[in-house]
Protein backbone atom coordinates (compact mmCIF):
# COMPACT_ATOMS: atom_id res chain seq x y z
CA MET A 1 15.53 -22.26 30.96
CA HIS A 2 17.74 -22.62 27.79
CA VAL A 3 14.49 -23.77 25.74
CA TRP A 4 13.47 -19.99 26.11
CA ARG A 5 16.44 -18.04 25.65
CA ASP A 6 16.57 -16.17 22.60
CA GLN A 7 13.02 -17.27 21.60
CA ARG A 8 10.26 -14.65 20.60
CA VAL A 9 7.27 -15.72 22.18
CA VAL A 10 3.54 -14.75 21.78
CA VAL A 11 1.09 -15.34 24.51
CA THR A 12 -2.42 -14.71 23.31
CA GLY A 13 -4.45 -13.77 26.37
CA GLY A 14 -1.44 -12.96 28.13
CA GLY A 15 -2.89 -9.76 30.07
CA GLY A 16 -5.54 -11.92 31.43
CA PHE A 17 -6.20 -14.09 34.25
CA LEU A 18 -4.11 -17.45 33.49
CA GLY A 19 -1.92 -15.42 30.91
CA SER A 20 -0.47 -13.17 33.08
CA PHE A 21 1.00 -15.96 35.55
CA VAL A 22 2.38 -17.70 31.99
CA VAL A 23 4.26 -14.55 31.23
CA GLU A 24 5.60 -14.09 34.65
CA LYS A 25 6.81 -17.39 34.61
CA LEU A 26 8.32 -17.11 31.08
CA MET A 27 10.20 -14.27 32.44
CA GLN A 28 11.50 -15.99 35.32
CA ARG A 29 12.71 -18.75 33.07
CA GLY A 30 14.82 -16.19 31.10
CA CYS A 31 12.66 -15.51 28.09
CA ASP A 32 12.98 -11.58 27.44
CA ARG A 33 10.99 -11.35 24.32
CA VAL A 34 7.51 -12.13 25.25
CA VAL A 35 4.68 -10.44 23.03
CA VAL A 36 1.18 -9.78 24.63
CA PRO A 37 -1.03 -8.74 21.95
CA ARG A 38 -4.03 -6.71 23.17
CA SER A 39 -7.45 -7.03 21.95
CA HIS A 40 -7.67 -3.35 20.93
CA ASP A 41 -4.63 -3.69 18.96
CA TYR A 42 -5.35 -7.15 17.37
CA ASP A 43 -8.99 -8.50 17.20
CA LEU A 44 -7.82 -12.03 16.69
CA VAL A 45 -11.34 -13.32 15.61
CA THR A 46 -10.51 -11.49 12.11
CA MET A 47 -7.81 -12.75 9.88
CA GLU A 48 -6.39 -9.49 8.97
CA ALA A 49 -5.36 -8.78 12.72
CA VAL A 50 -3.81 -12.45 13.07
CA ARG A 51 -1.75 -11.80 9.89
CA ARG A 52 -0.74 -8.36 11.36
CA LEU A 53 0.22 -9.73 14.76
CA TYR A 54 2.57 -12.40 13.13
CA ASP A 55 4.06 -9.80 10.95
CA ASP A 56 4.68 -7.48 14.01
CA ALA A 57 5.77 -9.99 16.46
CA ARG A 58 7.68 -12.79 14.24
CA PRO A 59 7.17 -15.30 17.12
CA ASP A 60 9.34 -18.54 17.28
CA ILE A 61 6.55 -20.12 19.64
CA VAL A 62 3.00 -19.25 20.19
CA ILE A 63 0.91 -20.24 23.25
CA HIS A 64 -2.80 -19.48 22.40
CA LEU A 65 -4.66 -18.90 25.76
CA ALA A 66 -6.83 -16.17 24.65
CA ALA A 67 -10.52 -17.08 24.71
CA ARG A 68 -14.10 -16.03 25.34
CA VAL A 69 -15.21 -18.07 28.28
CA GLY A 70 -17.38 -17.69 31.51
CA GLY A 71 -19.69 -19.75 33.88
CA ILE A 72 -22.99 -21.52 32.84
CA GLY A 73 -24.95 -18.27 32.48
CA ALA A 74 -22.44 -16.54 30.33
CA ASN A 75 -22.37 -19.66 28.05
CA GLN A 76 -26.07 -19.81 27.78
CA ALA A 77 -26.33 -16.05 27.18
CA ASN A 78 -23.53 -16.04 24.59
CA ALA A 79 -23.53 -19.54 22.98
CA GLY A 80 -23.20 -18.20 19.33
CA LYS A 81 -20.44 -15.61 20.28
CA PHE A 82 -18.37 -18.17 22.31
CA PHE A 83 -18.63 -20.84 19.55
CA TYR A 84 -17.69 -18.41 16.63
CA ASP A 85 -15.00 -16.11 18.31
CA ASN A 86 -13.05 -19.33 19.87
CA LEU A 87 -13.28 -21.43 16.69
CA MET A 88 -11.68 -18.58 14.45
CA MET A 89 -9.09 -17.14 16.92
CA GLY A 90 -7.97 -20.95 17.24
CA ALA A 91 -8.14 -21.89 13.59
CA GLN A 92 -6.68 -18.87 12.31
CA LEU A 93 -3.63 -18.47 14.62
CA MET A 94 -2.65 -22.23 13.84
CA GLU A 95 -3.03 -21.57 10.36
CA ILE A 96 -1.06 -18.73 10.22
CA GLY A 97 1.55 -19.98 12.42
CA ARG A 98 1.86 -22.90 10.04
CA GLN A 99 2.33 -20.75 7.22
CA ARG A 100 4.99 -18.68 8.98
CA GLY A 101 7.08 -21.67 10.18
CA VAL A 102 6.53 -21.33 13.96
CA LYS A 103 8.60 -23.85 15.82
CA LYS A 104 5.90 -24.63 18.08
CA PHE A 105 2.18 -23.80 18.82
CA VAL A 106 0.75 -24.44 22.23
CA ALA A 107 -3.01 -24.27 22.50
CA LEU A 108 -5.65 -24.70 25.29
CA GLY A 109 -8.69 -26.93 25.07
CA THR A 110 -11.19 -27.13 27.78
CA ILE A 111 -12.72 -29.72 30.14
CA CYS A 112 -16.12 -28.70 28.70
CA ALA A 113 -15.21 -30.47 25.50
CA TYR A 114 -15.81 -33.89 27.18
CA PRO A 115 -19.05 -35.96 26.56
CA LYS A 116 -21.62 -35.09 29.37
CA HIS A 117 -21.55 -38.39 30.67
CA THR A 118 -17.95 -39.16 30.72
CA PRO A 119 -16.79 -41.94 32.97
CA VAL A 120 -15.08 -40.52 35.74
CA PRO A 121 -12.07 -39.91 35.86
CA PHE A 122 -12.25 -38.35 32.42
CA ARG A 123 -9.45 -40.14 30.15
CA GLU A 124 -8.23 -38.21 27.13
CA GLU A 125 -9.61 -41.18 25.04
CA ALA A 126 -13.17 -40.39 25.90
CA LEU A 127 -13.00 -37.07 24.24
CA TRP A 128 -15.04 -38.14 21.42
CA ASN A 129 -17.54 -40.55 22.97
CA GLY A 130 -20.50 -38.35 23.06
CA TYR A 131 -21.86 -34.75 22.83
CA PRO A 132 -20.72 -32.20 25.49
CA GLU A 133 -23.05 -31.20 28.35
CA GLU A 134 -25.53 -28.60 26.73
CA THR A 135 -25.04 -25.47 28.68
CA ASN A 136 -21.54 -25.04 27.45
CA ALA A 137 -21.30 -27.37 24.41
CA PRO A 138 -20.91 -24.57 21.81
CA TYR A 139 -17.70 -23.23 23.64
CA GLY A 140 -16.42 -26.84 24.25
CA LEU A 141 -16.67 -28.13 20.83
CA ALA A 142 -15.15 -24.84 19.48
CA LYS A 143 -12.07 -25.42 21.64
CA LYS A 144 -12.11 -29.14 20.81
CA MET A 145 -11.38 -28.05 16.98
CA LEU A 146 -7.99 -27.06 18.10
CA LEU A 147 -7.48 -30.78 18.60
CA VAL A 148 -8.66 -31.60 15.34
CA GLN A 149 -6.58 -28.96 13.49
CA SER A 150 -3.47 -29.87 15.40
CA GLN A 151 -3.72 -33.53 14.68
CA ALA A 152 -4.60 -32.79 10.90
CA TYR A 153 -1.73 -30.18 10.62
CA ARG A 154 1.04 -32.54 12.17
CA THR A 155 -0.09 -35.41 9.71
CA GLN A 156 0.04 -33.27 6.75
CA TYR A 157 2.38 -30.56 7.26
CA GLY A 158 4.55 -32.08 10.16
CA PHE A 159 3.42 -28.94 12.15
CA ASN A 160 4.47 -29.09 15.87
CA SER A 161 1.58 -28.18 18.07
CA ILE A 162 0.29 -29.57 21.29
CA VAL A 163 -3.12 -29.19 22.77
CA LEU A 164 -4.06 -29.24 26.74
CA PHE A 165 -7.26 -29.68 28.30
CA PRO A 166 -7.43 -27.90 31.63
CA VAL A 167 -10.18 -28.27 34.24
CA ASN A 168 -11.76 -25.08 35.96
CA LEU A 169 -9.05 -22.77 36.87
CA TYR A 170 -9.18 -20.28 39.91
CA GLY A 171 -6.95 -17.93 41.53
CA PRO A 172 -5.97 -14.52 42.23
CA ARG A 173 -6.65 -12.24 39.24
CA ASP A 174 -9.76 -14.09 38.05
CA ASN A 175 -12.85 -12.73 36.63
CA PHE A 176 -15.03 -11.80 39.56
CA HIS A 177 -18.11 -10.37 37.44
CA PRO A 178 -21.43 -11.57 39.05
CA GLU A 179 -22.89 -12.58 36.01
CA THR A 180 -19.91 -13.66 33.81
CA SER A 181 -17.55 -15.35 36.42
CA HIS A 182 -16.87 -19.27 36.96
CA VAL A 183 -18.09 -20.88 40.27
CA ILE A 184 -15.39 -20.16 42.67
CA PRO A 185 -14.99 -16.32 42.17
CA ALA A 186 -18.73 -16.19 41.93
CA LEU A 187 -19.22 -17.84 45.22
CA ILE A 188 -16.40 -15.61 46.91
CA ARG A 189 -18.04 -12.62 45.86
CA LYS A 190 -21.62 -13.50 46.83
CA CYS A 191 -20.59 -14.62 50.19
CA VAL A 192 -18.48 -11.66 50.96
CA GLU A 193 -21.15 -9.15 49.81
CA ALA A 194 -23.69 -11.24 51.77
CA LYS A 195 -21.66 -11.08 54.79
CA GLU A 196 -21.38 -7.44 54.52
CA ARG A 197 -25.08 -6.83 54.11
CA GLU A 198 -25.78 -9.19 56.86
CA ALA A 199 -27.94 -11.07 54.45
CA ARG A 200 -29.71 -14.13 56.12
CA THR A 201 -29.37 -16.13 52.82
CA VAL A 202 -27.45 -16.57 49.66
CA THR A 203 -28.99 -18.40 46.73
CA LEU A 204 -26.92 -20.49 44.42
CA TRP A 205 -27.67 -22.22 41.17
CA GLY A 206 -28.86 -25.75 40.99
CA ASP A 207 -29.00 -28.19 43.70
CA GLY A 208 -25.31 -28.40 44.61
CA SER A 209 -24.90 -31.98 43.71
CA PRO A 210 -22.36 -31.59 40.56
CA THR A 211 -18.90 -32.46 41.46
CA ARG A 212 -15.86 -30.36 39.84
CA GLU A 213 -12.18 -30.46 39.89
CA PHE A 214 -10.26 -27.19 40.02
CA LEU A 215 -6.78 -26.39 39.35
CA TYR A 216 -4.86 -23.12 41.06
CA VAL A 217 -3.85 -20.66 38.28
CA GLU A 218 -0.02 -20.91 39.25
CA ASP A 219 -0.13 -24.79 38.64
CA ALA A 220 -1.88 -24.48 35.46
CA ALA A 221 0.81 -21.98 34.28
CA GLU A 222 3.73 -24.14 35.17
CA GLY A 223 1.80 -26.99 33.60
CA ILE A 224 1.59 -25.27 30.22
CA LEU A 225 5.19 -24.27 30.35
CA GLN A 226 6.30 -27.83 31.18
CA ALA A 227 4.49 -29.27 28.25
CA ALA A 228 5.72 -26.62 25.80
CA GLU A 229 9.06 -27.57 27.11
CA ARG A 230 8.94 -31.20 26.91
CA TYR A 231 5.93 -32.56 25.09
CA ASP A 232 5.80 -32.63 21.18
CA ARG A 233 2.61 -34.66 20.22
CA SER A 234 -0.64 -33.92 19.09
CA ASP A 235 -2.31 -36.52 21.61
CA PRO A 236 -4.38 -34.45 23.85
CA VAL A 237 -3.32 -34.21 27.60
CA ASN A 238 -5.56 -33.48 30.61
CA LEU A 239 -4.23 -30.52 32.79
CA GLY A 240 -5.51 -30.90 36.56
CA SER A 241 -5.29 -31.98 40.02
CA GLY A 242 -7.09 -35.30 39.86
CA HIS A 243 -9.37 -34.37 42.85
CA GLU A 244 -12.97 -33.56 42.78
CA ILE A 245 -15.49 -31.75 45.17
CA SER A 246 -19.14 -31.31 45.10
CA ILE A 247 -20.43 -27.95 44.64
CA ARG A 248 -22.24 -27.89 47.87
CA ASN A 249 -19.21 -28.60 49.74
CA LEU A 250 -17.36 -26.01 47.92
CA ALA A 251 -19.96 -23.48 48.75
CA ALA A 252 -19.97 -24.51 52.35
CA PHE A 253 -16.18 -23.99 52.65
CA ILE A 254 -16.09 -20.83 50.68
CA GLY A 255 -18.78 -19.48 52.90
CA GLU A 256 -16.93 -20.60 56.10
CA GLU A 257 -13.49 -19.07 54.77
CA VAL A 258 -15.00 -15.68 54.36
CA GLY A 259 -16.80 -15.73 57.60
CA TYR A 260 -20.49 -15.98 56.18
CA LYS A 261 -22.86 -17.32 58.70
CA GLY A 262 -26.11 -17.37 56.93
CA GLU A 263 -27.85 -20.01 54.91
CA LEU A 264 -27.05 -21.27 51.51
CA VAL A 265 -30.29 -21.84 49.46
CA TRP A 266 -30.41 -23.79 46.36
CA ASP A 267 -32.31 -22.67 43.24
CA ARG A 268 -33.27 -26.03 41.83
CA THR A 269 -34.80 -24.03 38.54
CA ARG A 270 -31.20 -23.21 37.37
CA PRO A 271 -29.21 -25.70 35.78
CA ASN A 272 -26.62 -27.87 37.54
CA GLY A 273 -24.32 -27.95 34.41
CA GLN A 274 -22.50 -31.48 33.93
CA PRO A 275 -22.96 -33.88 36.91
CA ARG A 276 -19.39 -34.64 37.28
CA ARG A 277 -15.81 -33.77 36.18
CA CYS A 278 -12.84 -35.14 37.13
CA LEU A 279 -9.70 -35.97 35.22
CA ASP A 280 -7.39 -38.68 34.92
CA VAL A 281 -3.92 -36.80 35.07
CA ALA A 282 -1.57 -39.58 34.44
CA LYS A 283 -0.42 -38.63 31.07
CA ALA A 284 0.49 -35.02 32.14
CA ALA A 285 2.87 -36.75 34.75
CA ASP A 286 4.19 -39.26 32.20
CA TYR A 287 4.62 -36.91 29.35
CA PHE A 288 6.20 -33.84 31.08
CA SER A 289 6.40 -34.57 34.81
CA PHE A 290 3.52 -32.13 35.76
CA GLN A 291 1.86 -32.57 39.03
CA ALA A 292 -0.46 -29.84 40.61
CA LYS A 293 0.92 -28.65 44.01
CA GLN A 294 -1.59 -26.30 45.42
CA SER A 295 -4.49 -27.94 47.62
CA LEU A 296 -7.62 -26.70 47.13
CA HIS A 297 -8.23 -25.39 50.52
CA GLU A 298 -5.15 -23.48 50.85
CA GLY A 299 -5.78 -22.16 46.90
CA ILE A 300 -9.28 -20.93 47.96
CA ARG A 301 -7.78 -19.01 51.10
CA ARG A 302 -5.20 -17.39 49.13
CA THR A 303 -7.79 -16.51 46.26
CA VAL A 304 -10.11 -14.93 49.23
CA THR A 305 -7.26 -13.16 50.72
CA TRP A 306 -6.37 -11.51 47.23
CA PHE A 307 -10.08 -10.64 46.57
CA LEU A 308 -10.43 -8.83 49.85
CA ALA A 309 -7.10 -6.89 49.33
CA ASN A 310 -7.87 -6.03 45.73
CA ARG A 311 -11.57 -5.64 45.49
CA ALA A 312 -11.47 -2.02 43.97
CA SER A 313 -9.56 -3.26 41.05
CA VAL A 314 -10.64 -6.96 40.33
CA ARG A 315 -11.55 -8.08 36.64
CA GLU A 316 -14.99 -8.08 35.50
CA VAL A 317 -15.31 -9.39 32.14
CA VAL A 318 -18.34 -8.30 30.18
CA PHE A 319 -19.34 -9.70 26.56
């Protein structure tokens, strides 16, 4: 699209799960000057590296996707690191972007920023109506500061930044580490390995009652770019599918999809996380015409197929 022609675009996290799809879609849109900073070259938690990135890349647009992120276990084990690293990356990237006069800054918040007992479906107006679910509150609050910064910078400096709040993402190229992954890749790996071992049971966290909404990674990448192209306000916007499923039903479907015939056992001594998560996605449709296309069942089938074909090289993120 002409929006991206002749633009220098930095995509932090562009070598990761979501970022790799965003970069591909940018190139499909005719953007031939995409810079993907790698962590071994630019530690974006430090201000020196952020300044150096802006010096080297001279971006017109920044899409900030880099994050320290993981499932419940990873959040519990890395609460301080997740808070500090995500807060510093976001705050410094936006501040130097403002100083350097970038045309637009696109940032991702997280559904973890919502209060623990937000009425379903989650509406953007409810973001400040309580404290997030405790197991991932440090991460959620650090990412929510992007919204505070975006609104403050637009008010004082006229800085054009937007903040999107996506639900849990899943799909090919996800993190499949057994201890740090999110629920869908974790379930896929557990069930595949249990099938191969002919294990009679698979033990899962919690009681299976919480509900979650999921967004296929390619849909998420498309939504981010549609917002970058068409949305120019600092009001938060949800990015999701608008459909929820219980973890119990999700696990049963994944087990069926990979052909696991054993029993799913629930460890109720482990945390459930937030009771329900499902977004109101009306604003994304109204503001930049985004609507998720991939159904959950078909998306999981594609993810399982990809995992089985790429097991030797799947991403395994450690902290």
